[in-house]
Each structure stands twice: as structure tokens, then as C-alpha cells.
Amino acid sequence: MDSVAPNGKPHPCVELVEACGEWFVRVVDEDQELTCSFDLESFAMAFAEDQRIRLHLDKFTRL
């Protein structure tokens, strides 16, 4: 489980996934997890990119 730090807290990450015609962005930031849904891929990608910048990540993961 490389998504969890030795102190037990998850590493910040942003994930983008499409399921059943809907787009989901999952944001993990320390002890918080947020999942948002979008009808349009472009809106989901813009949100994921904003969250990536906010968390100072190099990239987000597209599943």
C-alpha cells in the first residue's frame, strides 16, 4: 500500500475515472476524502487539474 505514509495518513492524490457516462474526481488530502461527479469530461478534468495544483502534485491519475 504505497498510498499510505508510514504515519498511517494517506498520501495526497487526485484520481479521475469515468463510469456509466459520468465522470468522477476523487481527492485525498491528509485525513479528508472528497468525490465529485460531473456530466462533462472537460469539467471533471478542469476540477482535477485545479486540485492537483492546490495539493502541489506533479500529476493526477486517470483510471
Foldseek 3Di string as FASTA:
>chain_A
DVQADPVGWGNWAWEWEDDPQKIWIWTGDGPDIDIDIDNDPVVVVVVSVVSCVVSVHPDHHYD
